[in-house]
């Protein structure tokens, strides 16, 4: 595809803002940066209150790339956030100034085939916050060539990808709708049947969100696997009596799962750790006719025993981010069936952002989710 001329894009408001900028691999600064940001009749401006630190943010900081996404110029970090609407475009009818909102960070091309079939998350031209673009059309767009994220006081976003938060949902919880949407995508792809038992490998925020979503989707019980007893203790309290932690430092995973399922195996498995060895062993835990959903992104190829899967007719599913999961995620939080406040273990101010990222490069076992508060509610 040829590069599009800059004149093909919406006129922009040139604006300087203070932001958390990943200058290059291994270097973050809090500084003023010029961002050429469109504001159309279909957009809203939002003041940011809370931004979560995702593993992908940390990975870009440490390594400068994730797969095909390679940092090629300074980029504002952050894609999990919540805030307050301060301005609306003339076509916007679903939001008002003063609304408390969270924002879906991936904006697809509405005319792409992926969008038309409802899989806009895999659109190669999706504009995703704090992700360096690699599609030529995005690299040519002066408003998006850097892939800037949301760790800044204010930003512009399409109203159609901006979602109102219920009054009793805090900004911190609103920022966690993004990882919750990942869990909801995984639970949806699993095709849960009422009463299914599931194993979730990986007790970080995504694993916990996936466990919550699996229970919300109809699973009777979830066995959450990790090496951190602290994480497992927190997870068991999220939905008391329905999540059981398995610490693979002291317990044999397959033995525990088989004992809990009368030797049959789990109906569903969710691999959320991104560990290649763990991913390879997932199928051993499954019952005949079961399914494994791969959520984490291993950094190395994963060997799988295809014949062993064939004789039990296992099903494999894969997810990449999410599509149409924000409204459902907010609805699950609004129901009051789960309290995410306990997942937030570390809070930093905007001025402490560099400290926060350095902390998350090697967090202690007691850390589950770290957030940065730009404003207090």
Protein backbone atom coordinates (compact mmCIF):
# COMPACT_ATOMS: atom_id res chain seq x y z
CA UNK A 1 0.00 0.00 0.00
CA UNK A 2 1.35 3.42 -0.87
CA UNK A 3 1.83 6.13 1.74
CA UNK A 4 -1.05 8.56 2.03
CA UNK A 5 -0.28 12.25 1.70
CA UNK A 6 -0.66 14.26 4.91
CA UNK A 7 -3.35 16.37 3.22
CA UNK A 8 -5.61 13.31 3.25
CA UNK A 9 -6.00 13.52 7.01
CA UNK A 10 -8.24 15.56 9.29
CA UNK A 11 -6.85 19.00 10.21
CA UNK A 12 -5.25 18.89 13.64
CA UNK A 13 -4.90 21.07 16.68
CA UNK A 14 -1.21 21.36 17.42
CA UNK A 15 -0.92 21.15 21.18
CA UNK A 16 1.93 20.83 23.62
CA UNK A 17 1.26 18.64 26.63
CA UNK A 18 3.22 17.17 29.51
CA UNK A 19 3.39 13.40 29.14
CA UNK A 20 5.24 10.24 30.13
CA UNK A 21 7.40 9.69 27.05
CA UNK A 22 9.33 6.57 26.15
CA UNK A 23 12.26 8.24 24.37
CA UNK A 24 13.96 5.00 23.37
CA UNK A 25 14.54 1.54 24.79
CA UNK A 26 15.47 1.95 28.45
CA UNK A 27 14.76 5.68 28.72
CA UNK A 28 11.57 7.37 29.98
CA UNK A 29 11.09 11.08 30.60
CA UNK A 30 8.26 13.26 31.86
CA UNK A 31 8.36 16.25 29.52
CA UNK A 32 6.41 18.50 27.20
CA UNK A 33 5.70 16.98 23.81
CA UNK A 34 3.92 18.31 20.74
CA UNK A 35 1.02 16.06 19.72
CA UNK A 36 -0.85 16.73 16.48
CA UNK A 37 -4.26 15.52 17.56
CA UNK A 38 -7.44 15.73 15.45
CA UNK A 39 -10.71 16.87 17.04
CA UNK A 40 -13.67 16.09 14.80
CA UNK A 41 -17.42 16.35 15.26
CA UNK A 42 -17.42 12.71 16.40
CA UNK A 43 -14.76 13.10 19.09
CA UNK A 44 -14.61 13.99 22.77
CA UNK A 45 -11.85 15.52 24.87
CA UNK A 46 -11.14 13.79 28.18
CA UNK A 47 -9.15 14.72 31.26
CA UNK A 48 -7.29 11.61 32.43
CA UNK A 49 -7.57 10.61 36.09
CA UNK A 50 -6.12 7.07 36.29
CA UNK A 51 -3.86 5.05 34.01
CA UNK A 52 -2.87 1.43 34.63
CA UNK A 53 0.62 0.12 33.89
CA UNK A 54 0.36 -2.85 31.54
CA UNK A 55 3.00 -5.48 30.92
CA UNK A 56 3.22 -4.32 27.30
CA UNK A 57 4.19 -0.80 28.44
CA UNK A 58 6.98 -2.29 30.54
CA UNK A 59 8.04 -4.56 27.68
CA UNK A 60 8.43 -1.60 25.30
CA UNK A 61 10.46 0.17 27.99
CA UNK A 62 12.76 -2.80 28.46
CA UNK A 63 13.01 -4.14 24.90
CA UNK A 64 11.79 -1.45 22.50
CA UNK A 65 9.53 -3.79 20.54
CA UNK A 66 6.82 -6.44 20.70
CA UNK A 67 6.66 -8.66 17.62
CA UNK A 68 6.21 -6.40 14.56
CA UNK A 69 5.64 -3.29 16.70
CA UNK A 70 9.00 -1.52 16.94
CA UNK A 71 9.59 1.81 18.67
CA UNK A 72 10.84 4.20 15.98
CA UNK A 73 10.40 7.58 17.68
CA UNK A 74 9.46 8.94 21.13
CA UNK A 75 6.06 7.61 22.23
CA UNK A 76 3.70 8.49 25.07
CA UNK A 77 3.02 5.37 27.15
CA UNK A 78 -0.24 4.02 28.61
CA UNK A 79 -3.44 2.46 27.24
CA UNK A 80 -5.53 1.58 30.31
CA UNK A 81 -7.28 4.70 31.53
CA UNK A 82 -10.37 6.47 32.83
CA UNK A 83 -11.28 10.14 33.10
CA UNK A 84 -13.90 12.87 32.67
CA UNK A 85 -15.31 14.32 29.44
CA UNK A 86 -14.51 18.03 29.10
CA UNK A 87 -15.56 18.74 25.49
CA UNK A 88 -17.79 17.03 22.91
CA UNK A 89 -17.97 17.23 19.14
CA UNK A 90 -21.10 18.50 17.44
CA UNK A 91 -22.24 15.01 16.35
CA UNK A 92 -21.82 13.38 19.77
CA UNK A 93 -25.10 12.37 21.43
CA UNK A 94 -24.09 9.49 23.71
CA UNK A 95 -21.92 11.55 26.08
CA UNK A 96 -22.04 14.86 27.94
CA UNK A 97 -19.45 17.13 29.49
CA UNK A 98 -18.80 15.88 33.01
CA UNK A 99 -19.40 12.19 32.25
CA UNK A 100 -16.99 9.78 33.93
CA UNK A 101 -15.68 7.44 31.25
CA UNK A 102 -13.19 4.80 30.24
CA UNK A 103 -11.82 4.52 26.74
CA UNK A 104 -11.25 1.58 24.44
CA UNK A 105 -7.67 2.15 23.24
CA UNK A 106 -7.87 0.49 19.81
CA UNK A 107 -9.52 2.42 16.98
CA UNK A 108 -9.92 0.42 13.75
CA UNK A 109 -10.55 1.44 10.18
CA UNK A 110 -14.38 1.24 10.02
CA UNK A 111 -14.22 0.27 6.33
CA UNK A 112 -11.81 -2.63 6.74
CA UNK A 113 -12.91 -6.23 6.21
CA UNK A 114 -11.92 -7.02 9.82
CA UNK A 115 -14.29 -4.33 11.07
CA UNK A 116 -17.11 -5.41 8.77
CA UNK A 117 -17.01 -8.98 10.11
CA UNK A 118 -16.84 -7.82 13.74
CA UNK A 119 -13.14 -8.61 14.30
CA UNK A 120 -11.88 -5.04 14.37
CA UNK A 121 -9.23 -6.03 16.94
CA UNK A 122 -7.22 -7.78 14.20
CA UNK A 123 -7.51 -4.92 11.71
CA UNK A 124 -3.91 -4.26 10.57
CA UNK A 125 -4.70 -0.54 10.53
CA UNK A 126 -6.04 -0.40 14.09
CA UNK A 127 -4.67 2.62 15.99
CA UNK A 128 -3.84 1.30 19.45
CA UNK A 129 -2.58 3.59 22.20
CA UNK A 130 1.09 3.20 23.16
CA UNK A 131 1.76 0.83 20.27
CA UNK A 132 4.19 1.86 17.52
CA UNK A 133 2.36 1.46 14.20
CA UNK A 134 3.79 -0.57 11.37
CA UNK A 135 1.08 -0.17 8.72
CA UNK A 136 2.15 2.35 6.02
CA UNK A 137 -1.13 4.27 6.28
CA UNK A 138 -0.54 4.89 9.99
CA UNK A 139 3.11 5.74 9.57
CA UNK A 140 2.06 8.40 7.04
CA UNK A 141 -0.56 9.91 9.36
CA UNK A 142 0.91 12.91 11.22
CA UNK A 143 -1.58 12.37 14.03
CA UNK A 144 -0.66 8.74 14.59
CA UNK A 145 2.86 7.98 13.33
CA UNK A 146 4.22 7.81 16.90
CA UNK A 147 1.38 5.72 18.37
CA UNK A 148 1.02 7.96 21.43
CA UNK A 149 -0.78 6.60 24.50
CA UNK A 150 -2.78 8.11 27.34
CA UNK A 151 -0.27 8.97 30.08
CA UNK A 152 -0.93 12.70 29.76
CA UNK A 153 -3.39 15.10 31.38
CA UNK A 154 -5.82 15.29 28.45
CA UNK A 155 -6.52 13.66 25.11
CA UNK A 156 -9.02 13.37 22.25
CA UNK A 157 -10.85 10.11 21.51
CA UNK A 158 -13.76 8.97 19.30
CA UNK A 159 -17.04 9.08 21.21
CA UNK A 160 -18.00 5.63 19.84
CA UNK A 161 -15.04 4.11 21.70
CA UNK A 162 -15.64 6.08 24.90
CA UNK A 163 -17.86 4.43 27.53
CA UNK A 164 -19.69 5.99 30.45
CA UNK A 165 -18.89 4.57 33.90
CA UNK A 166 -21.57 3.92 36.53
CA UNK A 167 -21.34 6.36 39.44
CA UNK A 168 -20.26 3.71 41.95
CA UNK A 169 -17.34 2.50 39.80
CA UNK A 170 -14.12 4.30 40.75
CA UNK A 171 -11.66 5.71 38.24
CA UNK A 172 -9.16 3.05 39.31
CA UNK A 173 -11.69 0.34 38.45
CA UNK A 174 -12.55 2.16 35.24
CA UNK A 175 -8.94 1.91 34.13
CA UNK A 176 -9.12 -1.84 34.70
CA UNK A 177 -11.99 -2.27 32.25
CA UNK A 178 -9.28 -2.66 29.60
CA UNK A 179 -7.71 -5.83 31.07
CA UNK A 180 -11.21 -7.00 32.01
CA UNK A 181 -12.14 -6.80 28.32
CA UNK A 182 -9.28 -9.21 27.56
CA UNK A 183 -10.74 -11.69 30.04
CA UNK A 184 -14.21 -11.24 28.58
CA UNK A 185 -12.87 -11.90 25.07
CA UNK A 186 -11.24 -15.11 26.32
CA UNK A 187 -14.39 -16.28 28.10
CA UNK A 188 -16.47 -15.60 25.01
CA UNK A 189 -14.10 -17.51 22.71
CA UNK A 190 -14.18 -20.46 25.14
CA UNK A 191 -17.90 -21.03 24.48
CA UNK A 192 -18.59 -21.76 28.14
CA UNK A 193 -21.40 -24.13 29.06
CA UNK A 194 -23.15 -23.74 32.43
CA UNK A 195 -21.32 -25.73 35.10
CA UNK A 196 -17.98 -25.98 33.28
CA UNK A 197 -14.84 -26.16 35.39
CA UNK A 198 -11.89 -24.10 34.20
CA UNK A 199 -8.17 -23.82 34.81
CA UNK A 200 -6.54 -20.39 34.43
CA UNK A 201 -2.73 -20.42 34.29
CA UNK A 202 -1.18 -17.10 35.34
CA UNK A 203 -2.28 -15.11 38.39
CA UNK A 204 -1.52 -11.60 37.16
CA UNK A 205 -4.22 -9.03 36.38
CA UNK A 206 -5.17 -10.68 33.07
CA UNK A 207 -5.43 -14.11 34.70
CA UNK A 208 -7.59 -12.74 37.49
CA UNK A 209 -9.83 -10.91 35.02
CA UNK A 210 -10.14 -14.06 32.95
CA UNK A 211 -11.16 -16.07 36.02
CA UNK A 212 -13.82 -13.48 36.87
CA UNK A 213 -15.10 -13.46 33.29
CA UNK A 214 -15.21 -17.27 33.15
CA UNK A 215 -17.34 -17.37 36.29
CA UNK A 216 -19.55 -14.61 34.92
CA UNK A 217 -19.96 -16.62 31.72
CA UNK A 218 -21.26 -19.73 33.52
CA UNK A 219 -18.31 -21.67 34.89
CA UNK A 220 -19.06 -23.29 38.23
CA UNK A 221 -15.47 -23.12 39.49
CA UNK A 222 -12.07 -21.81 38.42
CA UNK A 223 -8.67 -23.15 39.46
CA UNK A 224 -6.14 -20.33 39.22
CA UNK A 225 -2.48 -21.31 38.85
CA UNK A 226 0.57 -19.27 39.84
CA UNK A 227 3.83 -19.40 41.80
CA UNK A 228 2.92 -16.43 44.02
CA UNK A 229 0.83 -17.32 47.06
CA UNK A 230 0.06 -13.63 47.56
CA UNK A 231 -1.62 -13.41 44.16
CA UNK A 232 -3.53 -16.63 44.77
CA UNK A 233 -4.79 -15.38 48.14
CA UNK A 234 -6.09 -12.19 46.52
CA UNK A 235 -7.70 -14.11 43.66
CA UNK A 236 -9.58 -16.45 45.99
CA UNK A 237 -11.25 -13.44 47.62
CA UNK A 238 -12.43 -11.91 44.35
CA UNK A 239 -15.33 -14.36 44.10
CA UNK A 240 -15.27 -16.22 47.44
CA UNK A 241 -15.76 -19.97 47.24
CA UNK A 242 -15.54 -20.17 43.47
CA UNK A 243 -11.83 -19.58 42.80
CA UNK A 244 -9.25 -22.04 44.14
CA UNK A 245 -5.57 -21.19 43.94
CA UNK A 246 -2.99 -23.78 42.91
CA UNK A 247 0.59 -22.93 43.81
CA UNK A 248 2.80 -24.94 41.46
CA UNK A 249 5.79 -24.35 43.73
CA UNK A 250 4.24 -26.72 46.26
CA UNK A 251 1.52 -28.58 44.34
CA UNK A 252 1.49 -30.80 41.26
CA UNK A 253 -0.86 -29.05 38.85
CA UNK A 254 -2.09 -32.04 36.89
CA UNK A 255 -2.72 -34.11 40.04
CA UNK A 256 -4.76 -31.33 41.65
CA UNK A 257 -6.86 -30.76 38.52
CA UNK A 258 -7.52 -34.47 38.00
CA UNK A 259 -8.49 -34.97 41.64
CA UNK A 260 -10.88 -31.99 41.44
CA UNK A 261 -12.53 -33.39 38.30
CA UNK A 262 -12.69 -37.10 39.26
CA UNK A 263 -9.90 -37.89 36.81
CA UNK A 264 -11.76 -36.43 33.83
CA UNK A 265 -9.91 -33.13 33.40
CA UNK A 266 -11.00 -29.52 33.16
CA UNK A 267 -13.60 -28.50 30.62
CA UNK A 268 -11.76 -25.29 29.79
CA UNK A 269 -8.23 -23.97 30.06
CA UNK A 270 -7.00 -20.39 29.77
CA UNK A 271 -3.28 -19.80 29.31
CA UNK A 272 -2.60 -16.28 30.62
CA UNK A 273 1.03 -16.47 31.69
CA UNK A 274 2.73 -16.20 28.31
CA UNK A 275 5.17 -18.87 29.48
CA UNK A 276 5.98 -21.24 26.61
CA UNK A 277 6.39 -24.28 28.88
CA UNK A 278 3.10 -23.60 30.63
CA UNK A 279 1.37 -23.12 27.29
CA UNK A 280 2.72 -26.41 25.98
CA UNK A 281 1.40 -28.29 29.03
CA UNK A 282 -2.14 -26.86 28.96
CA UNK A 283 -3.66 -29.63 26.87
CA UNK A 284 -2.65 -32.29 29.44
CA UNK A 285 -5.15 -30.76 31.87
CA UNK A 286 -8.16 -30.93 29.56
CA UNK A 287 -11.10 -33.29 29.51
CA UNK A 288 -12.16 -34.94 26.23
CA UNK A 289 -14.02 -32.36 24.17
CA UNK A 290 -12.45 -29.54 26.19
CA UNK A 291 -10.97 -26.31 24.92
CA UNK A 292 -7.85 -24.25 25.57
CA UNK A 293 -7.86 -20.50 25.00
CA UNK A 294 -4.43 -18.93 24.56
CA UNK A 295 -4.43 -15.44 26.06
CA UNK A 296 -0.78 -14.81 26.96
CA UNK A 297 1.80 -14.15 24.24
CA UNK A 298 4.80 -16.49 24.53
CA UNK A 299 8.08 -15.06 23.30
CA UNK A 300 9.09 -18.42 21.81
CA UNK A 301 7.28 -21.01 19.64
CA UNK A 302 5.18 -23.47 21.66
CA UNK A 303 5.33 -27.22 20.88
CA UNK A 304 1.99 -29.02 21.07
CA UNK A 305 1.23 -32.75 20.95
CA UNK A 306 -1.31 -32.74 18.13
CA UNK A 307 -2.02 -36.49 18.27
CA UNK A 308 -2.80 -36.35 21.99
CA UNK A 309 -5.24 -33.53 21.28
CA UNK A 310 -6.81 -35.36 18.36
CA UNK A 311 -7.70 -38.50 20.30
CA UNK A 312 -9.58 -36.32 22.84
CA UNK A 313 -11.00 -33.92 20.23
CA UNK A 314 -9.71 -30.85 22.01
CA UNK A 315 -10.41 -27.38 20.66
CA UNK A 316 -7.85 -24.57 20.57
CA UNK A 317 -8.79 -20.90 20.54
CA UNK A 318 -6.66 -17.75 20.43
CA UNK A 319 -7.38 -14.14 21.27
CA UNK A 320 -5.73 -10.85 20.41
CA UNK A 321 -6.99 -8.01 22.61
CA UNK A 322 -10.81 -7.82 22.27
CA UNK A 323 -13.74 -6.56 20.23
CA UNK A 324 -17.09 -5.28 21.54
CA UNK A 325 -16.21 -6.27 25.12
CA UNK A 326 -16.16 -2.90 26.89
CA UNK A 327 -19.95 -2.61 27.43
CA UNK A 328 -20.14 -6.18 28.75
CA UNK A 329 -17.15 -5.65 31.03
CA UNK A 330 -18.68 -2.49 32.49
CA UNK A 331 -22.00 -4.32 32.96
CA UNK A 332 -20.27 -7.10 34.91
CA UNK A 333 -18.61 -4.54 37.18
CA UNK A 334 -21.87 -2.64 37.58
CA UNK A 335 -23.62 -5.80 38.78
CA UNK A 336 -21.55 -5.71 41.96
CA UNK A 337 -20.62 -9.37 41.63
CA UNK A 338 -16.93 -8.57 41.84
CA UNK A 339 -14.80 -5.94 43.57
CA UNK A 340 -11.58 -5.10 41.73
CA UNK A 341 -10.22 -2.69 44.33
CA UNK A 342 -8.09 -5.41 45.93
CA UNK A 343 -6.23 -5.96 42.65
CA UNK A 344 -4.73 -2.46 42.83
CA UNK A 345 -1.70 -2.94 45.07
CA UNK A 346 0.52 0.01 44.15
CA UNK A 347 -0.44 3.62 43.43
CA UNK A 348 1.88 6.28 42.02
CA UNK A 349 1.37 9.96 41.22
CA UNK A 350 2.00 11.35 37.74
CA UNK A 351 5.27 12.86 38.96
CA UNK A 352 6.35 9.38 40.10
CA UNK A 353 5.76 7.77 36.68
CA UNK A 354 9.42 7.01 35.99
CA UNK A 355 9.73 5.46 39.43
CA UNK A 356 6.57 3.45 38.72
CA UNK A 357 7.93 1.95 35.51
CA UNK A 358 11.27 1.11 37.09
CA UNK A 359 9.39 -0.55 39.95
CA UNK A 360 7.33 -2.62 37.49
CA UNK A 361 10.45 -3.87 35.71
CA UNK A 362 11.06 -6.11 38.72
CA UNK A 363 8.03 -5.99 41.02
CA UNK A 364 7.81 -7.96 44.29
CA UNK A 365 5.43 -10.89 44.67
CA UNK A 366 3.04 -8.66 46.58
CA UNK A 367 2.41 -6.51 43.48
CA UNK A 368 -0.59 -7.30 41.30
CA UNK A 369 -1.65 -4.09 39.59
CA UNK A 370 0.12 -0.73 39.65
CA UNK A 371 -1.65 2.43 38.59
CA UNK A 372 -0.73 6.07 38.07
CA UNK A 373 -3.18 8.69 39.31
CA UNK A 374 -2.97 11.92 37.37
CA UNK A 375 -5.91 13.44 39.30
CA UNK A 376 -7.80 12.46 42.43
CA UNK A 377 -11.57 12.00 42.31
